[in-house]
């Protein structure tokens, strides 16, 4: 079992509008909204299934790395 698959600590990352509501709209490759009423994506929120860790960032991949650090800390490894 790898730390990325630690049971009970799965990562969910959701894109959000500037007002914090979820954004499931289709965007152009430059992040512009394709649908009327969508204000575009502001950031992403990453939430661990354990409900003891969450963070926001403008870059989806950084949340993956920070969640991996959370898992290492749980396993007693480096922070």
N, C-alpha and C. Protein backbone atom coordinates (compact mmCIF):
# COMPACT_ATOMS: atom_id res chain seq x y z
N UNK A 1 0.84 -1.17 0.00
CA UNK A 1 0.00 0.00 0.00
C UNK A 1 0.89 1.24 0.00
N UNK A 2 0.62 2.16 -0.91
CA UNK A 2 1.37 3.41 -0.95
C UNK A 2 0.62 4.46 -0.14
N UNK A 3 1.32 5.52 0.21
CA UNK A 3 0.67 6.59 0.96
C UNK A 3 -0.41 7.30 0.15
N UNK A 4 -0.29 7.27 -1.18
CA UNK A 4 -1.31 7.90 -2.02
C UNK A 4 -2.63 7.16 -1.92
N UNK A 5 -2.62 5.90 -1.45
CA UNK A 5 -3.84 5.11 -1.37
C UNK A 5 -4.16 4.71 0.06
N UNK A 6 -3.69 5.46 1.02
CA UNK A 6 -3.94 5.16 2.42
C UNK A 6 -5.45 5.18 2.67
N UNK A 7 -6.05 4.04 3.07
CA UNK A 7 -7.50 3.98 3.27
C UNK A 7 -7.98 5.06 4.25
N UNK A 8 -9.07 5.69 3.88
CA UNK A 8 -9.64 6.73 4.71
C UNK A 8 -9.00 8.09 4.54
N UNK A 9 -8.05 8.19 3.60
CA UNK A 9 -7.36 9.45 3.37
C UNK A 9 -7.28 9.79 1.88
N UNK A 10 -8.35 9.47 1.17
CA UNK A 10 -8.39 9.77 -0.25
C UNK A 10 -8.56 11.28 -0.44
N UNK A 11 -7.94 11.81 -1.48
CA UNK A 11 -7.98 13.24 -1.78
C UNK A 11 -9.07 13.53 -2.80
N UNK A 12 -9.88 14.53 -2.53
CA UNK A 12 -10.85 15.05 -3.48
C UNK A 12 -10.47 16.50 -3.75
N UNK A 13 -10.34 16.84 -5.03
CA UNK A 13 -10.01 18.21 -5.42
C UNK A 13 -11.15 18.75 -6.27
N UNK A 14 -11.67 19.90 -5.85
CA UNK A 14 -12.79 20.52 -6.56
C UNK A 14 -12.44 21.92 -7.02
N UNK A 15 -12.71 22.27 -8.28
CA UNK A 15 -12.51 23.63 -8.75
C UNK A 15 -13.61 24.53 -8.20
N UNK A 16 -13.25 25.81 -7.96
CA UNK A 16 -14.24 26.74 -7.40
C UNK A 16 -14.27 28.06 -8.18
N UNK A 17 -15.46 28.67 -8.19
CA UNK A 17 -15.64 30.01 -8.73
C UNK A 17 -15.06 31.02 -7.74
N UNK A 18 -14.92 32.28 -8.14
CA UNK A 18 -14.42 33.31 -7.22
C UNK A 18 -15.25 33.45 -5.94
N UNK A 19 -16.55 33.12 -6.00
CA UNK A 19 -17.38 33.23 -4.80
C UNK A 19 -17.35 31.98 -3.93
N UNK A 20 -16.51 30.99 -4.30
CA UNK A 20 -16.35 29.78 -3.50
C UNK A 20 -17.27 28.64 -3.87
N UNK A 21 -18.20 28.85 -4.80
CA UNK A 21 -19.09 27.78 -5.22
C UNK A 21 -18.37 26.84 -6.18
N UNK A 22 -18.78 25.58 -6.24
CA UNK A 22 -18.12 24.62 -7.13
C UNK A 22 -18.26 25.02 -8.60
N UNK A 23 -17.23 24.77 -9.39
CA UNK A 23 -17.24 25.06 -10.83
C UNK A 23 -17.05 23.76 -11.59
N UNK A 24 -18.11 23.30 -12.23
CA UNK A 24 -18.03 22.09 -13.04
C UNK A 24 -18.20 22.43 -14.51
N UNK A 25 -18.08 23.71 -14.85
CA UNK A 25 -18.27 24.16 -16.21
C UNK A 25 -17.06 23.84 -17.09
N UNK A 26 -17.32 23.71 -18.37
CA UNK A 26 -16.24 23.49 -19.32
C UNK A 26 -15.51 24.80 -19.56
N UNK A 27 -14.18 24.74 -19.61
CA UNK A 27 -13.36 25.93 -19.82
C UNK A 27 -12.48 25.76 -21.04
N UNK A 28 -12.01 26.88 -21.57
CA UNK A 28 -11.03 26.83 -22.65
C UNK A 28 -9.69 26.40 -22.06
N UNK A 29 -8.72 26.16 -22.92
CA UNK A 29 -7.39 25.77 -22.43
C UNK A 29 -6.73 26.89 -21.63
N UNK A 30 -7.26 28.11 -21.75
CA UNK A 30 -6.71 29.24 -21.00
C UNK A 30 -7.53 29.56 -19.76
N UNK A 31 -8.50 28.70 -19.43
CA UNK A 31 -9.28 28.89 -18.21
C UNK A 31 -10.48 29.81 -18.33
N UNK A 32 -10.83 30.20 -19.55
CA UNK A 32 -12.00 31.06 -19.75
C UNK A 32 -13.26 30.21 -19.83
N UNK A 33 -14.34 30.74 -19.28
CA UNK A 33 -15.61 30.02 -19.25
C UNK A 33 -16.20 29.88 -20.65
N UNK A 34 -16.72 28.70 -20.95
CA UNK A 34 -17.41 28.48 -22.22
C UNK A 34 -18.92 28.63 -22.07
N UNK A 35 -19.41 28.62 -20.84
CA UNK A 35 -20.84 28.68 -20.59
C UNK A 35 -21.24 30.01 -19.98
N UNK A 36 -22.39 30.51 -20.41
CA UNK A 36 -22.92 31.75 -19.84
C UNK A 36 -23.19 31.55 -18.36
N UNK A 37 -22.88 32.54 -17.57
CA UNK A 37 -23.14 32.45 -16.13
C UNK A 37 -21.97 31.94 -15.32
N UNK A 38 -20.96 31.37 -15.98
CA UNK A 38 -19.78 30.89 -15.27
C UNK A 38 -18.78 32.03 -15.18
N UNK A 39 -18.33 32.32 -13.99
CA UNK A 39 -17.38 33.41 -13.78
C UNK A 39 -15.93 32.94 -13.88
N UNK A 40 -15.73 31.67 -14.22
CA UNK A 40 -14.39 31.12 -14.34
C UNK A 40 -13.92 30.52 -13.03
N UNK A 41 -12.79 29.88 -13.08
CA UNK A 41 -12.25 29.23 -11.88
C UNK A 41 -11.30 30.16 -11.16
N UNK A 42 -11.47 30.21 -9.87
CA UNK A 42 -10.61 31.03 -9.02
C UNK A 42 -9.48 30.18 -8.45
N UNK A 43 -9.87 29.00 -7.93
CA UNK A 43 -8.90 28.13 -7.29
C UNK A 43 -9.46 26.73 -7.17
N UNK A 44 -8.74 25.89 -6.45
CA UNK A 44 -9.16 24.52 -6.17
C UNK A 44 -9.11 24.32 -4.67
N UNK A 45 -10.02 23.50 -4.17
CA UNK A 45 -9.97 23.11 -2.76
C UNK A 45 -9.72 21.60 -2.72
N UNK A 46 -8.73 21.22 -1.95
CA UNK A 46 -8.41 19.81 -1.76
C UNK A 46 -8.83 19.39 -0.36
N UNK A 47 -9.58 18.29 -0.27
CA UNK A 47 -10.08 17.82 1.01
C UNK A 47 -9.74 16.35 1.18
N UNK A 48 -9.13 16.02 2.30
CA UNK A 48 -8.82 14.63 2.62
C UNK A 48 -10.07 13.98 3.22
N UNK A 49 -10.30 12.72 2.90
CA UNK A 49 -11.46 12.00 3.41
C UNK A 49 -11.48 11.90 4.93
N UNK A 50 -10.33 12.10 5.58
CA UNK A 50 -10.28 12.03 7.04
C UNK A 50 -10.91 13.27 7.68
N UNK A 51 -11.17 14.31 6.88
CA UNK A 51 -11.78 15.57 7.32
C UNK A 51 -10.89 16.35 8.29
N UNK A 52 -9.61 16.00 8.36
CA UNK A 52 -8.69 16.72 9.24
C UNK A 52 -7.68 17.53 8.45
N UNK A 53 -7.77 17.48 7.12
CA UNK A 53 -6.86 18.25 6.28
C UNK A 53 -7.62 18.80 5.09
N UNK A 54 -7.41 20.08 4.80
CA UNK A 54 -7.90 20.68 3.56
C UNK A 54 -7.06 21.92 3.29
N UNK A 55 -6.92 22.24 2.01
CA UNK A 55 -6.19 23.43 1.59
C UNK A 55 -6.75 23.92 0.28
N UNK A 56 -6.46 25.17 -0.04
CA UNK A 56 -6.82 25.73 -1.33
C UNK A 56 -5.56 26.21 -2.04
N UNK A 57 -5.61 26.20 -3.37
CA UNK A 57 -4.50 26.72 -4.16
C UNK A 57 -5.01 26.97 -5.57
N UNK A 58 -4.31 27.82 -6.30
CA UNK A 58 -4.65 28.08 -7.69
C UNK A 58 -4.17 26.96 -8.61
N UNK A 59 -3.27 26.10 -8.11
CA UNK A 59 -2.69 25.03 -8.92
C UNK A 59 -3.11 23.68 -8.35
N UNK A 60 -3.81 22.90 -9.17
CA UNK A 60 -4.32 21.59 -8.75
C UNK A 60 -3.18 20.69 -8.27
N UNK A 61 -2.08 20.63 -9.01
CA UNK A 61 -0.96 19.74 -8.69
C UNK A 61 -0.31 20.02 -7.36
N UNK A 62 -0.33 21.27 -6.92
CA UNK A 62 0.26 21.59 -5.61
C UNK A 62 -0.55 20.97 -4.48
N UNK A 63 -1.85 20.83 -4.68
CA UNK A 63 -2.67 20.18 -3.65
C UNK A 63 -2.31 18.70 -3.53
N UNK A 64 -2.01 18.07 -4.65
CA UNK A 64 -1.57 16.67 -4.62
C UNK A 64 -0.31 16.53 -3.76
N UNK A 65 0.65 17.43 -3.98
CA UNK A 65 1.91 17.38 -3.23
C UNK A 65 1.70 17.66 -1.75
N UNK A 66 0.85 18.61 -1.44
CA UNK A 66 0.60 18.93 -0.03
C UNK A 66 -0.16 17.82 0.68
N UNK A 67 -1.06 17.16 -0.05
CA UNK A 67 -1.77 16.03 0.54
C UNK A 67 -0.80 14.87 0.80
N UNK A 68 0.15 14.68 -0.10
CA UNK A 68 1.16 13.63 0.11
C UNK A 68 1.95 13.92 1.39
N UNK A 69 2.25 15.20 1.64
CA UNK A 69 2.95 15.57 2.88
C UNK A 69 2.08 15.23 4.10
N UNK A 70 0.79 15.50 4.02
CA UNK A 70 -0.15 15.14 5.09
C UNK A 70 -0.08 13.64 5.37
N UNK A 71 -0.05 12.83 4.32
CA UNK A 71 0.01 11.37 4.49
C UNK A 71 1.34 10.94 5.12
N UNK A 72 2.44 11.58 4.71
CA UNK A 72 3.74 11.24 5.30
C UNK A 72 3.75 11.58 6.79
N UNK A 73 3.16 12.70 7.16
CA UNK A 73 3.09 13.08 8.57
C UNK A 73 2.28 12.07 9.36
N UNK A 74 1.19 11.58 8.80
CA UNK A 74 0.37 10.56 9.48
C UNK A 74 1.15 9.27 9.67
N UNK A 75 1.99 8.95 8.69
CA UNK A 75 2.76 7.71 8.77
C UNK A 75 4.02 7.85 9.62
N UNK A 76 4.21 9.05 10.18
CA UNK A 76 5.37 9.27 11.05
C UNK A 76 6.63 9.64 10.30
N UNK A 77 6.47 9.97 9.03
CA UNK A 77 7.62 10.35 8.22
C UNK A 77 7.89 11.83 8.31
N UNK A 78 8.72 12.30 7.38
CA UNK A 78 9.08 13.71 7.38
C UNK A 78 7.88 14.58 6.99
N UNK A 79 7.94 15.82 7.38
CA UNK A 79 6.86 16.74 7.05
C UNK A 79 7.20 17.54 5.82
